[in-house]
N, C-alpha and C. Protein backbone atom coordinates (compact mmCIF):
# COMPACT_ATOMS: atom_id res chain seq x y z
N UNK A 1 -33.82 -194.60 -44.96
CA UNK A 1 -34.03 -193.77 -46.37
C UNK A 1 -33.59 -192.61 -46.33
N UNK A 2 -32.11 -192.67 -47.25
CA UNK A 2 -31.78 -190.75 -47.54
C UNK A 2 -32.76 -189.98 -48.29
N UNK A 3 -32.86 -189.24 -47.63
CA UNK A 3 -34.05 -187.84 -48.24
C UNK A 3 -33.44 -188.12 -49.61
N UNK A 4 -34.12 -187.44 -51.07
CA UNK A 4 -33.69 -187.08 -52.37
C UNK A 4 -33.91 -185.36 -52.00
N UNK A 5 -33.62 -184.86 -53.25
CA UNK A 5 -33.14 -183.62 -52.82
C UNK A 5 -33.69 -182.90 -54.14
N UNK A 6 -34.85 -182.06 -53.59
CA UNK A 6 -35.42 -181.42 -54.75
C UNK A 6 -34.83 -179.72 -55.06
N UNK A 7 -34.23 -179.49 -56.15
CA UNK A 7 -33.77 -178.11 -55.69
C UNK A 7 -35.11 -177.22 -56.61
N UNK A 8 -34.86 -175.96 -55.68
CA UNK A 8 -35.98 -174.85 -56.53
C UNK A 8 -35.39 -173.27 -56.40
N UNK A 9 -35.52 -172.84 -57.77
CA UNK A 9 -34.68 -171.90 -58.28
C UNK A 9 -35.78 -170.89 -59.00
N UNK A 10 -35.84 -170.24 -58.79
CA UNK A 10 -36.59 -168.84 -60.23
C UNK A 10 -35.67 -167.53 -59.73
N UNK A 11 -36.33 -166.59 -60.79
CA UNK A 11 -35.32 -165.23 -60.94
C UNK A 11 -35.64 -164.26 -59.88
N UNK A 12 -35.36 -163.28 -59.22
CA UNK A 12 -35.51 -162.25 -58.48
C UNK A 12 -36.67 -162.04 -58.57
N UNK A 13 -37.94 -161.77 -57.34
CA UNK A 13 -39.42 -161.49 -57.53
C UNK A 13 -40.34 -162.49 -57.98
N UNK A 14 -39.67 -163.66 -58.24
CA UNK A 14 -40.34 -164.53 -58.89
C UNK A 14 -41.54 -165.33 -57.89
N UNK A 15 -41.03 -165.10 -56.58
CA UNK A 15 -41.77 -165.71 -55.61
C UNK A 15 -41.44 -167.17 -54.83
N UNK A 16 -40.11 -167.36 -54.94
CA UNK A 16 -39.68 -168.76 -54.98
C UNK A 16 -39.58 -169.11 -53.09
N UNK A 17 -39.68 -167.62 -52.26
CA UNK A 17 -39.45 -167.79 -50.82
C UNK A 17 -41.15 -168.40 -50.29
N UNK A 18 -42.17 -167.50 -51.16
CA UNK A 18 -43.30 -167.98 -50.22
C UNK A 18 -43.75 -169.67 -50.90
N UNK A 19 -43.04 -169.70 -51.87
CA UNK A 19 -43.36 -171.69 -52.57
C UNK A 19 -42.33 -172.38 -51.92
N UNK A 20 -41.61 -172.00 -51.29
CA UNK A 20 -41.00 -172.80 -50.56
C UNK A 20 -41.58 -172.71 -48.63
N UNK A 21 -42.22 -171.72 -48.90
CA UNK A 21 -42.78 -171.28 -46.93
C UNK A 21 -44.07 -172.64 -46.91
N UNK A 22 -44.54 -172.67 -48.45
CA UNK A 22 -45.80 -173.83 -48.58
C UNK A 22 -45.43 -174.96 -48.25
N UNK A 23 -44.33 -175.25 -48.96
CA UNK A 23 -43.36 -176.41 -48.80
C UNK A 23 -43.53 -177.22 -47.09
N UNK A 24 -42.88 -176.12 -47.00
CA UNK A 24 -42.36 -175.82 -45.40
C UNK A 24 -42.89 -176.58 -44.31
N UNK A 25 -44.63 -175.38 -44.76
CA UNK A 25 -45.73 -175.75 -44.12
C UNK A 25 -46.36 -177.02 -44.66
N UNK A 26 -45.86 -178.17 -45.00
CA UNK A 26 -46.35 -178.81 -45.54
C UNK A 26 -45.64 -180.27 -44.92
N UNK A 27 -44.35 -179.36 -44.07
CA UNK A 27 -43.63 -180.54 -43.18
C UNK A 27 -42.33 -180.86 -44.29
N UNK A 28 -42.14 -180.38 -45.07
CA UNK A 28 -40.97 -180.72 -45.83
C UNK A 28 -39.66 -179.95 -45.31
N UNK A 29 -38.37 -180.74 -44.94
CA UNK A 29 -37.18 -179.80 -44.56
C UNK A 29 -37.06 -179.09 -45.73
N UNK A 30 -36.44 -177.57 -45.27
CA UNK A 30 -36.29 -176.46 -46.67
C UNK A 30 -34.72 -175.74 -45.98
N UNK A 31 -33.67 -175.84 -46.70
CA UNK A 31 -32.69 -175.39 -46.64
C UNK A 31 -32.62 -173.69 -47.76
N UNK A 32 -32.20 -172.84 -47.13
CA UNK A 32 -32.20 -171.92 -48.08
C UNK A 32 -30.55 -171.34 -48.30
N UNK A 33 -30.05 -171.32 -49.45
CA UNK A 33 -28.57 -171.13 -50.05
C UNK A 33 -28.33 -169.90 -49.65
N UNK A 34 -29.33 -168.79 -49.32
CA UNK A 34 -28.84 -167.73 -48.70
C UNK A 34 -28.78 -167.77 -47.60
N UNK A 35 -29.83 -168.61 -46.94
CA UNK A 35 -29.48 -168.59 -45.58
C UNK A 35 -28.40 -169.01 -44.92
N UNK A 36 -27.69 -169.70 -45.84
CA UNK A 36 -26.25 -170.52 -45.65
C UNK A 36 -25.58 -169.56 -45.96
N UNK A 37 -25.75 -168.57 -47.06
CA UNK A 37 -24.45 -167.60 -47.48
C UNK A 37 -24.24 -166.83 -46.13
N UNK A 38 -25.29 -167.11 -45.24
CA UNK A 38 -25.72 -165.13 -44.46
C UNK A 38 -24.83 -166.23 -42.98
N UNK A 39 -25.02 -167.76 -42.57
CA UNK A 39 -24.38 -168.01 -41.72
C UNK A 39 -22.67 -167.83 -41.99
N UNK A 40 -22.47 -168.42 -43.15
CA UNK A 40 -21.15 -168.64 -43.32
C UNK A 40 -19.76 -167.38 -43.22
N UNK A 41 -20.58 -166.07 -43.34
CA UNK A 41 -19.53 -165.13 -43.35
C UNK A 41 -20.49 -163.98 -41.61
N UNK A 42 -21.00 -165.51 -40.72
CA UNK A 42 -21.42 -163.95 -39.43
C UNK A 42 -19.98 -164.39 -38.79
N UNK A 43 -19.61 -163.18 -37.81
CA UNK A 43 -18.70 -162.54 -37.06
C UNK A 43 -17.92 -163.91 -36.62
N UNK A 44 -16.68 -164.55 -36.20
CA UNK A 44 -15.64 -165.65 -36.12
C UNK A 44 -15.48 -166.70 -36.74
N UNK A 45 -16.63 -166.55 -38.30
CA UNK A 45 -16.26 -168.21 -39.17
C UNK A 45 -14.99 -167.55 -39.84
N UNK A 46 -13.96 -168.45 -40.23
CA UNK A 46 -13.13 -168.14 -41.19
C UNK A 46 -13.45 -167.52 -42.56
N UNK A 47 -14.75 -167.17 -43.14
CA UNK A 47 -15.04 -166.53 -44.46
C UNK A 47 -14.98 -165.49 -44.24
N UNK A 48 -15.33 -164.71 -43.23
CA UNK A 48 -15.57 -163.17 -42.88
C UNK A 48 -14.24 -162.84 -42.37
N UNK A 49 -12.94 -163.24 -42.22
CA UNK A 49 -11.87 -162.67 -41.43
C UNK A 49 -11.37 -162.87 -42.96
N UNK A 50 -11.54 -163.61 -44.11
CA UNK A 50 -10.86 -163.68 -45.10
C UNK A 50 -11.35 -162.56 -46.06
N UNK A 51 -12.58 -162.55 -45.98
CA UNK A 51 -13.39 -161.43 -46.86
C UNK A 51 -12.74 -159.87 -46.34
N UNK A 52 -12.31 -159.69 -45.00
CA UNK A 52 -12.11 -158.46 -44.93
C UNK A 52 -10.25 -158.00 -44.37
N UNK A 53 -9.21 -159.36 -44.40
CA UNK A 53 -8.26 -159.15 -44.98
C UNK A 53 -7.98 -158.88 -46.48
N UNK A 54 -8.94 -159.89 -47.69
CA UNK A 54 -9.07 -159.39 -48.94
C UNK A 54 -9.31 -157.65 -49.09
N UNK A 55 -10.53 -156.77 -48.73
CA UNK A 55 -11.19 -156.36 -49.05
C UNK A 55 -10.75 -154.85 -48.35
N UNK A 56 -10.37 -155.25 -47.04
CA UNK A 56 -10.24 -154.55 -46.28
C UNK A 56 -11.30 -153.82 -45.61
N UNK A 57 -11.34 -153.06 -44.28
CA UNK A 57 -11.87 -153.01 -42.74
C UNK A 57 -13.26 -152.24 -43.41
N UNK A 58 -13.26 -151.67 -44.11
CA UNK A 58 -14.73 -151.15 -45.41
C UNK A 58 -15.44 -152.19 -45.30
N UNK A 59 -15.46 -153.06 -45.57
CA UNK A 59 -16.59 -154.42 -45.56
C UNK A 59 -17.30 -154.65 -44.51
N UNK A 60 -16.32 -154.08 -43.32
CA UNK A 60 -17.13 -154.47 -41.43
C UNK A 60 -17.70 -153.37 -41.09
N UNK A 61 -19.10 -153.85 -40.61
CA UNK A 61 -19.53 -152.69 -40.01
C UNK A 61 -18.69 -152.33 -38.25
N UNK A 62 -19.25 -151.70 -37.57
CA UNK A 62 -18.50 -151.37 -36.44
C UNK A 62 -19.06 -152.38 -35.50
N UNK A 63 -19.79 -153.02 -35.79
CA UNK A 63 -19.99 -154.05 -34.61
C UNK A 63 -19.65 -155.55 -35.40
N UNK A 64 -18.85 -155.17 -36.25
CA UNK A 64 -17.83 -156.84 -36.56
C UNK A 64 -18.74 -157.76 -37.46
N UNK A 65 -19.64 -156.94 -38.09
CA UNK A 65 -20.88 -157.77 -39.19
C UNK A 65 -20.33 -157.61 -40.38
N UNK A 66 -20.70 -157.91 -41.29
CA UNK A 66 -20.07 -158.06 -42.43
C UNK A 66 -21.18 -157.04 -43.07
N UNK A 67 -20.45 -155.68 -44.01
CA UNK A 67 -21.67 -154.87 -44.56
C UNK A 67 -21.59 -154.98 -46.08
N UNK A 68 -23.00 -155.67 -46.44
CA UNK A 68 -23.23 -156.17 -47.35
C UNK A 68 -23.52 -154.95 -48.75
N UNK A 69 -23.62 -154.07 -47.94
CA UNK A 69 -23.99 -153.23 -48.97
C UNK A 69 -22.25 -152.41 -49.87
N UNK A 70 -21.87 -152.90 -48.47
CA UNK A 70 -20.20 -152.25 -49.47
C UNK A 70 -19.72 -153.30 -50.14
N UNK A 71 -19.63 -154.30 -49.64
CA UNK A 71 -19.41 -155.32 -50.45
C UNK A 71 -19.74 -155.50 -51.84
N UNK A 72 -21.19 -155.23 -51.98
CA UNK A 72 -21.63 -155.33 -52.87
C UNK A 72 -21.28 -154.36 -54.11
N UNK A 73 -21.00 -153.04 -53.62
CA UNK A 73 -20.52 -152.12 -54.39
C UNK A 73 -19.20 -152.59 -55.41
N UNK A 74 -18.56 -153.40 -54.01
CA UNK A 74 -17.18 -153.46 -54.60
C UNK A 74 -17.49 -155.10 -56.13
N UNK A 75 -17.78 -155.30 -55.81
CA UNK A 75 -17.95 -156.56 -56.55
C UNK A 75 -18.61 -156.38 -57.66
N UNK A 76 -19.85 -155.51 -57.71
CA UNK A 76 -20.92 -155.09 -58.83
C UNK A 76 -19.97 -154.95 -59.72
N UNK A 77 -19.07 -153.98 -59.47
CA UNK A 77 -17.82 -153.09 -60.51
C UNK A 77 -17.18 -154.36 -61.04
N UNK A 78 -16.72 -155.15 -60.42
CA UNK A 78 -15.36 -155.77 -60.76
C UNK A 78 -15.66 -157.46 -60.79
N UNK A 79 -15.85 -157.92 -62.29
CA UNK A 79 -16.01 -159.15 -61.98
C UNK A 79 -14.77 -160.20 -61.52
N UNK A 80 -13.81 -159.62 -61.54
CA UNK A 80 -12.98 -160.34 -61.21
C UNK A 80 -12.42 -160.80 -59.45
N UNK A 81 -13.11 -159.31 -58.74
CA UNK A 81 -13.89 -159.63 -57.52
C UNK A 81 -14.49 -160.24 -56.96
N UNK A 82 -15.64 -159.97 -57.69
CA UNK A 82 -16.63 -161.27 -57.77
C UNK A 82 -16.66 -162.85 -57.65
N UNK A 83 -15.65 -163.24 -58.85
CA UNK A 83 -15.12 -164.49 -58.81
C UNK A 83 -14.18 -164.88 -57.86
N UNK A 84 -13.47 -163.89 -56.56
CA UNK A 84 -12.66 -164.34 -55.89
C UNK A 84 -13.43 -164.57 -54.91
N UNK A 85 -14.90 -163.75 -54.32
CA UNK A 85 -15.86 -164.10 -53.82
C UNK A 85 -16.52 -165.18 -53.97
N UNK A 86 -16.83 -165.81 -54.70
CA UNK A 86 -17.56 -167.10 -55.35
C UNK A 86 -17.32 -167.81 -55.16
N UNK A 87 -15.38 -168.22 -55.46
CA UNK A 87 -14.81 -169.06 -54.94
C UNK A 87 -14.63 -169.11 -53.56
N UNK A 88 -14.32 -168.41 -52.79
CA UNK A 88 -14.57 -168.46 -51.85
C UNK A 88 -16.10 -168.93 -50.60
N UNK A 89 -16.74 -168.39 -50.87
CA UNK A 89 -18.10 -168.81 -50.80
C UNK A 89 -18.79 -170.13 -50.90
N UNK A 90 -18.89 -170.37 -52.34
CA UNK A 90 -19.56 -171.47 -52.72
C UNK A 90 -19.28 -172.65 -51.98
N UNK A 91 -18.05 -173.06 -51.67
CA UNK A 91 -17.28 -174.47 -51.17
C UNK A 91 -18.19 -174.15 -50.01
N UNK A 92 -17.72 -173.13 -49.39
CA UNK A 92 -18.75 -173.05 -47.48
C UNK A 92 -20.42 -173.44 -47.69
N UNK A 93 -20.73 -172.72 -48.95
CA UNK A 93 -22.05 -172.41 -48.49
C UNK A 93 -22.52 -174.07 -48.91
N UNK A 94 -21.88 -174.65 -49.90
CA UNK A 94 -22.19 -176.07 -50.28
C UNK A 94 -21.86 -177.15 -49.11
N UNK A 95 -21.37 -176.90 -48.54
CA UNK A 95 -20.80 -177.87 -47.25
C UNK A 95 -21.89 -177.45 -46.03
N UNK A 96 -22.37 -176.42 -45.86
CA UNK A 96 -23.51 -175.91 -44.92
C UNK A 96 -24.75 -177.08 -45.48
N UNK A 97 -24.80 -176.62 -46.69
CA UNK A 97 -26.22 -177.00 -47.20
C UNK A 97 -26.01 -178.58 -47.11
N UNK A 98 -25.08 -179.58 -47.26
CA UNK A 98 -24.82 -180.56 -47.40
C UNK A 98 -25.08 -181.08 -46.01
N UNK A 99 -24.60 -180.62 -45.21
CA UNK A 99 -25.02 -180.52 -43.79
C UNK A 99 -26.25 -180.64 -43.04
N UNK A 100 -26.69 -179.68 -43.71
CA UNK A 100 -28.23 -179.99 -43.22
C UNK A 100 -29.29 -181.00 -44.34
N UNK A 101 -28.90 -181.24 -45.43
CA UNK A 101 -29.44 -181.98 -45.92
C UNK A 101 -29.07 -183.52 -45.42
N UNK A 102 -28.09 -183.55 -45.04
CA UNK A 102 -27.58 -184.99 -44.47
C UNK A 102 -28.72 -185.35 -43.25
N UNK A 103 -29.15 -184.30 -42.60
CA UNK A 103 -30.12 -184.08 -41.67
C UNK A 103 -31.44 -184.32 -41.63
N UNK A 104 -31.82 -184.39 -42.67
CA UNK A 104 -32.83 -184.20 -43.08
C UNK A 104 -33.95 -185.05 -42.92
N UNK A 105 -35.03 -184.80 -42.95
CA UNK A 105 -36.29 -186.12 -42.87
C UNK A 105 -36.65 -186.89 -44.25
N UNK A 106 -37.19 -187.57 -44.84
CA UNK A 106 -37.50 -188.40 -45.58
C UNK A 106 -38.67 -187.81 -45.92
N UNK A 107 -39.15 -188.18 -46.49
CA UNK A 107 -38.19 -188.75 -48.16
C UNK A 107 -37.80 -187.67 -49.15
N UNK A 108 -38.22 -186.77 -48.65
CA UNK A 108 -37.55 -185.34 -49.75
C UNK A 108 -37.27 -184.23 -49.11
N UNK A 109 -36.19 -183.71 -49.50
CA UNK A 109 -35.96 -182.22 -48.65
C UNK A 109 -35.49 -181.38 -49.98
N UNK A 110 -35.50 -180.16 -49.71
CA UNK A 110 -35.70 -179.11 -50.25
C UNK A 110 -34.68 -177.69 -50.64
N UNK A 111 -33.77 -177.64 -51.57
CA UNK A 111 -32.58 -176.42 -51.11
C UNK A 111 -33.09 -175.53 -51.86
N UNK A 112 -33.42 -174.43 -51.64
CA UNK A 112 -33.98 -173.23 -52.27
C UNK A 112 -32.70 -171.99 -52.61
N UNK A 113 -32.65 -171.91 -53.89
CA UNK A 113 -31.21 -171.33 -54.14
C UNK A 113 -31.70 -170.58 -55.73
N UNK A 114 -31.13 -168.93 -55.12
CA UNK A 114 -31.55 -167.92 -56.30
C UNK A 114 -30.35 -168.61 -57.53
N UNK A 115 -29.07 -168.91 -57.47
CA UNK A 115 -28.28 -169.36 -58.14
C UNK A 115 -28.04 -170.73 -58.14
N UNK A 116 -28.98 -171.36 -58.29
CA UNK A 116 -28.89 -172.87 -58.20
C UNK A 116 -28.49 -173.62 -60.11
N UNK A 117 -28.50 -173.14 -60.57
CA UNK A 117 -28.02 -172.99 -61.66
C UNK A 117 -26.45 -172.71 -62.08
N UNK A 118 -26.58 -171.47 -61.71
CA UNK A 118 -24.70 -170.38 -61.93
C UNK A 118 -23.84 -171.13 -61.34
N UNK A 119 -24.58 -171.73 -59.85
CA UNK A 119 -23.16 -172.11 -59.23
C UNK A 119 -22.72 -173.30 -59.32
N UNK A 120 -23.82 -173.96 -60.11
CA UNK A 120 -23.39 -175.74 -60.23
C UNK A 120 -24.41 -176.43 -58.69
N UNK A 121 -24.60 -175.84 -58.04
CA UNK A 121 -25.52 -176.20 -57.13
C UNK A 121 -26.88 -177.74 -57.24
N UNK A 122 -27.22 -177.37 -58.85
CA UNK A 122 -28.47 -177.96 -59.10
C UNK A 122 -27.48 -179.57 -59.07
N UNK A 123 -26.31 -179.55 -58.96
CA UNK A 123 -25.32 -180.95 -59.24
C UNK A 123 -26.14 -181.82 -58.23
N UNK A 124 -25.96 -180.80 -56.92
CA UNK A 124 -26.08 -181.57 -55.21
C UNK A 124 -28.28 -182.29 -55.34
N UNK A 125 -28.84 -181.97 -56.33
CA UNK A 125 -30.13 -182.20 -56.33
C UNK A 125 -30.39 -183.47 -57.52
N UNK A 126 -31.50 -183.70 -57.38
CA UNK A 126 -32.22 -185.01 -57.89
C UNK A 126 -33.17 -184.47 -58.85
N UNK A 127 -33.68 -183.33 -58.35
CA UNK A 127 -34.87 -182.98 -59.33
C UNK A 127 -35.05 -181.36 -59.46
N UNK A 128 -35.24 -180.60 -59.76
CA UNK A 128 -35.60 -179.06 -60.31
C UNK A 128 -36.85 -178.57 -60.20
N UNK A 129 -37.31 -177.93 -59.51
CA UNK A 129 -38.27 -177.29 -59.41
C UNK A 129 -38.27 -175.57 -59.73
N UNK A 130 -38.67 -174.94 -61.12
CA UNK A 130 -38.64 -173.64 -60.96
C UNK A 130 -40.26 -173.07 -60.99
N UNK A 131 -39.32 -171.95 -60.59
CA UNK A 131 -40.66 -170.88 -60.34
C UNK A 131 -40.53 -169.91 -61.28
N UNK A 132 -41.85 -169.81 -61.95
CA UNK A 132 -41.11 -168.87 -63.12
C UNK A 132 -42.30 -167.90 -63.14
N UNK A 133 -41.94 -167.15 -63.54
CA UNK A 133 -42.63 -165.89 -63.63
C UNK A 133 -42.41 -164.68 -64.79
N UNK A 134 -43.78 -164.41 -65.74
CA UNK A 134 -43.48 -162.94 -66.66
C UNK A 134 -42.45 -162.15 -66.15
N UNK A 135 -41.74 -161.58 -67.10
CA UNK A 135 -40.61 -161.08 -66.99
C UNK A 135 -41.01 -159.21 -66.49
N UNK A 136 -42.07 -158.70 -67.15
CA UNK A 136 -42.62 -157.12 -66.51
C UNK A 136 -43.42 -157.97 -65.35
N UNK A 137 -43.95 -158.93 -64.48
CA UNK A 137 -44.39 -158.96 -63.39
C UNK A 137 -43.05 -158.82 -62.58
N UNK A 138 -42.33 -159.54 -62.80
CA UNK A 138 -40.94 -159.91 -62.09
C UNK A 138 -40.24 -158.79 -61.51
N UNK A 139 -40.38 -158.05 -62.66
CA UNK A 139 -39.61 -156.60 -62.54
C UNK A 139 -40.67 -155.13 -61.13
N UNK A 140 -41.92 -155.92 -61.88
CA UNK A 140 -43.03 -154.96 -61.27
C UNK A 140 -42.39 -155.44 -59.59
N UNK A 141 -42.60 -156.76 -59.50
CA UNK A 141 -42.98 -157.04 -57.64
C UNK A 141 -41.26 -157.03 -57.50
N UNK A 142 -39.90 -157.38 -57.64
CA UNK A 142 -39.05 -156.65 -57.32
C UNK A 142 -38.75 -155.63 -56.83
N UNK A 143 -39.39 -154.27 -57.74
CA UNK A 143 -39.31 -152.61 -57.46
C UNK A 143 -40.27 -152.51 -56.63
N UNK A 144 -41.32 -153.30 -56.30
CA UNK A 144 -42.26 -152.51 -54.74
C UNK A 144 -41.81 -153.43 -53.48
N UNK A 145 -40.79 -154.54 -53.71
CA UNK A 145 -40.51 -155.33 -52.55
C UNK A 145 -39.11 -154.63 -52.08
N UNK A 146 -38.55 -154.58 -53.28
CA UNK A 146 -37.48 -153.69 -52.48
C UNK A 146 -36.65 -152.22 -53.05
N UNK A 147 -37.70 -151.63 -53.30
CA UNK A 147 -37.92 -150.02 -53.37
C UNK A 147 -36.57 -150.07 -54.46
N UNK A 148 -36.31 -150.80 -55.53
CA UNK A 148 -35.28 -150.74 -56.26
C UNK A 148 -35.72 -149.67 -57.91
N UNK A 149 -35.35 -149.33 -58.51
CA UNK A 149 -35.70 -149.11 -59.63
C UNK A 149 -35.24 -150.01 -60.88
N UNK A 150 -36.64 -150.32 -62.08
CA UNK A 150 -36.48 -151.22 -62.95
C UNK A 150 -34.79 -151.39 -63.70
N UNK A 151 -33.92 -149.89 -63.68
CA UNK A 151 -32.78 -150.05 -64.55
C UNK A 151 -32.18 -151.45 -63.66
N UNK A 152 -31.72 -151.02 -61.52
CA UNK A 152 -31.38 -151.67 -60.59
C UNK A 152 -31.96 -153.09 -61.13
N UNK A 153 -33.17 -153.39 -60.99
CA UNK A 153 -33.42 -154.98 -61.10
C UNK A 153 -33.28 -155.40 -62.38
N UNK A 154 -33.06 -154.87 -63.70
CA UNK A 154 -32.92 -155.65 -64.29
C UNK A 154 -30.74 -155.99 -64.53
N UNK A 155 -30.75 -155.27 -64.15
CA UNK A 155 -29.12 -154.98 -63.70
C UNK A 155 -28.88 -156.34 -62.75
N UNK A 156 -29.54 -156.30 -61.89
CA UNK A 156 -29.51 -157.49 -61.23
C UNK A 156 -30.40 -159.30 -61.93
N UNK A 157 -30.75 -158.64 -62.74
CA UNK A 157 -31.49 -160.20 -63.61
C UNK A 157 -30.49 -160.49 -64.55
N UNK A 158 -29.78 -159.64 -65.07
CA UNK A 158 -28.78 -159.61 -65.74
C UNK A 158 -27.75 -160.84 -65.48
N UNK A 159 -27.49 -160.45 -64.06
CA UNK A 159 -26.40 -161.75 -63.16
C UNK A 159 -26.40 -162.23 -62.78
N UNK A 160 -28.30 -163.11 -63.10
CA UNK A 160 -28.63 -164.15 -63.33
C UNK A 160 -28.76 -165.04 -64.28
N UNK A 161 -28.82 -166.56 -63.88
CA UNK A 161 -28.74 -167.11 -65.14
C UNK A 161 -30.66 -166.62 -66.20
N UNK A 162 -30.49 -166.92 -67.39
CA UNK A 162 -31.39 -166.50 -68.05
C UNK A 162 -32.43 -167.19 -67.72
N UNK A 163 -33.95 -166.72 -68.23
CA UNK A 163 -35.05 -167.28 -67.72
C UNK A 163 -35.16 -168.74 -68.73
N UNK A 164 -34.91 -168.86 -69.65
CA UNK A 164 -34.33 -169.64 -70.70
C UNK A 164 -33.60 -171.11 -70.39
N UNK A 165 -32.14 -170.51 -69.61
CA UNK A 165 -31.57 -171.75 -69.07
C UNK A 165 -31.60 -172.51 -68.05
N UNK A 166 -32.32 -171.30 -67.13
CA UNK A 166 -33.33 -171.99 -65.81
C UNK A 166 -34.14 -173.01 -66.00
N UNK A 167 -35.11 -172.38 -67.18
CA UNK A 167 -36.20 -173.20 -67.65
C UNK A 167 -35.86 -175.15 -68.48
N UNK A 168 -34.46 -175.22 -68.85
CA UNK A 168 -34.36 -175.85 -69.51
C UNK A 168 -33.39 -177.07 -68.65
N UNK A 169 -32.83 -176.47 -67.31
CA UNK A 169 -32.69 -177.53 -66.28
C UNK A 169 -33.94 -178.27 -65.62
N UNK A 170 -35.11 -177.13 -65.83
CA UNK A 170 -36.66 -177.20 -64.96
C UNK A 170 -37.21 -178.95 -65.22
N UNK A 171 -37.00 -179.39 -64.08
CA UNK A 171 -38.18 -180.82 -64.54
C UNK A 171 -39.56 -180.35 -64.06
N UNK A 172 -39.80 -179.49 -63.17
CA UNK A 172 -41.28 -179.18 -63.27
C UNK A 172 -41.45 -177.32 -62.70
N UNK A 173 -42.42 -176.72 -63.50
CA UNK A 173 -41.96 -175.27 -63.16
C UNK A 173 -43.73 -175.41 -63.09
N UNK A 174 -43.72 -174.13 -62.29
CA UNK A 174 -44.64 -173.64 -61.61
C UNK A 174 -45.02 -172.13 -61.68
N UNK A 175 -45.56 -171.48 -62.57
CA UNK A 175 -46.02 -170.21 -63.19
C UNK A 175 -46.66 -169.46 -62.12
N UNK A 176 -46.02 -168.61 -61.21
CA UNK A 176 -46.35 -167.62 -60.17
C UNK A 176 -47.36 -166.75 -60.88
N UNK A 177 -48.08 -166.54 -61.44
CA UNK A 177 -48.40 -165.07 -61.65
C UNK A 177 -50.12 -165.37 -61.14
N UNK A 178 -50.54 -165.61 -60.17
CA UNK A 178 -51.56 -165.54 -59.85
C UNK A 178 -51.83 -165.00 -57.98
N UNK A 179 -52.79 -165.83 -57.46
CA UNK A 179 -52.87 -165.30 -56.42
C UNK A 179 -52.12 -166.19 -55.24
N UNK A 180 -51.78 -166.44 -53.89
CA UNK A 180 -51.24 -166.84 -53.19
C UNK A 180 -52.14 -168.52 -53.10
N UNK A 181 -53.17 -167.79 -53.07
CA UNK A 181 -54.23 -169.49 -52.53
C UNK A 181 -53.99 -170.81 -54.14
N UNK A 182 -53.85 -170.04 -55.36
CA UNK A 182 -53.59 -170.60 -56.36
C UNK A 182 -51.84 -171.16 -56.27
N UNK A 183 -50.84 -170.65 -55.75
CA UNK A 183 -49.97 -171.12 -55.38
C UNK A 183 -49.89 -172.35 -54.32
N UNK A 184 -50.57 -171.79 -53.20
CA UNK A 184 -50.57 -173.21 -51.76
C UNK A 184 -51.24 -174.46 -52.81
N UNK A 185 -52.63 -174.54 -53.91
CA UNK A 185 -52.62 -175.75 -54.64
C UNK A 185 -51.70 -175.99 -55.37
N UNK A 186 -51.31 -175.50 -56.30
CA UNK A 186 -50.03 -175.89 -56.70
C UNK A 186 -49.11 -176.55 -55.86
N UNK A 187 -48.35 -176.18 -55.01
CA UNK A 187 -47.24 -177.08 -53.95
C UNK A 187 -48.22 -178.15 -53.59
N UNK A 188 -49.38 -177.82 -53.03
CA UNK A 188 -50.28 -179.38 -52.73
C UNK A 188 -49.82 -180.88 -54.04
N UNK A 189 -50.23 -179.97 -54.44
CA UNK A 189 -50.18 -180.87 -56.33
C UNK A 189 -48.88 -181.58 -56.63
N UNK A 190 -48.03 -180.73 -56.19
CA UNK A 190 -46.39 -181.09 -56.44
C UNK A 190 -45.97 -181.71 -55.36
N UNK A 191 -46.52 -181.55 -53.81
CA UNK A 191 -46.40 -182.17 -52.96
C UNK A 191 -46.73 -183.45 -52.93
N UNK A 192 -47.83 -183.75 -53.41
CA UNK A 192 -48.49 -185.07 -53.31
C UNK A 192 -47.73 -186.41 -54.47
N UNK A 193 -47.06 -185.04 -55.59
CA UNK A 193 -46.67 -186.22 -56.83
C UNK A 193 -45.20 -186.49 -56.68
N UNK A 194 -44.31 -185.18 -55.61
CA UNK A 194 -42.75 -186.09 -55.00
C UNK A 194 -42.97 -187.37 -54.12
N UNK A 195 -44.37 -187.53 -53.12
CA UNK A 195 -44.15 -188.42 -52.42
C UNK A 195 -44.04 -189.53 -52.96
N UNK A 196 -44.47 -189.80 -54.38
CA UNK A 196 -44.71 -190.82 -55.09
C UNK A 196 -43.48 -191.13 -55.47
N UNK A 197 -42.16 -189.99 -55.71
CA UNK A 197 -40.95 -190.38 -56.60
C UNK A 197 -40.18 -191.36 -55.17
N UNK A 198 -39.64 -191.73 -56.39
CA UNK A 198 -38.25 -192.77 -55.74
C UNK A 198 -36.94 -191.93 -56.00
N UNK A 199 -36.31 -191.34 -54.75
CA UNK A 199 -34.84 -190.26 -55.29
C UNK A 199 -35.33 -189.43 -56.43
N UNK A 200 -36.26 -189.01 -56.34
CA UNK A 200 -36.73 -187.99 -57.26
C UNK A 200 -37.19 -188.53 -58.81
N UNK A 201 -36.65 -189.39 -58.83
CA UNK A 201 -37.40 -189.83 -60.35
C UNK A 201 -38.97 -190.96 -60.40
N UNK A 202 -39.76 -190.38 -61.38
CA UNK A 202 -40.82 -191.25 -61.36
C UNK A 202 -40.71 -192.59 -61.51
């Protein structure tokens, strides 16, 4: 039996990585689109060569790795360049993710993606779990974790789907405004429920 796929998403600082780790601890296969995004631009992969050709050598570090901060600067100011990069990477990320999911063990596997809704990756899933958090808490957590200013965090949030859009796609919502022990209990409750589903549907 092929596993069905749960899409797991949430805005920056929502704690979706902690939630994904809890599911993984329960034995669920988890693929992270951010990790897939890192794999597809590793040295020797065609995407990295295409990026260097398009943006120039400034986006490469001395050791041949992608210079993420240089690339981020370039695309942050130029929506057209960001569009070019997304058209290159999204199909490759989707292919990496699909390959992982094809080898996942039943009854269900999880695809974690901050851009699940925006990139259309949600179409690969049968059910969507949104990790939601009050906006002020989201900003505080991200400022602490990434040492960013409130303005920088708000700029990142502005580039992601709005909270309303994410929640409108959700089948399940985990409000992550308490401690880790509470998250663990919620994940166990959801996991027990997911085991009863057939293809992601009750």
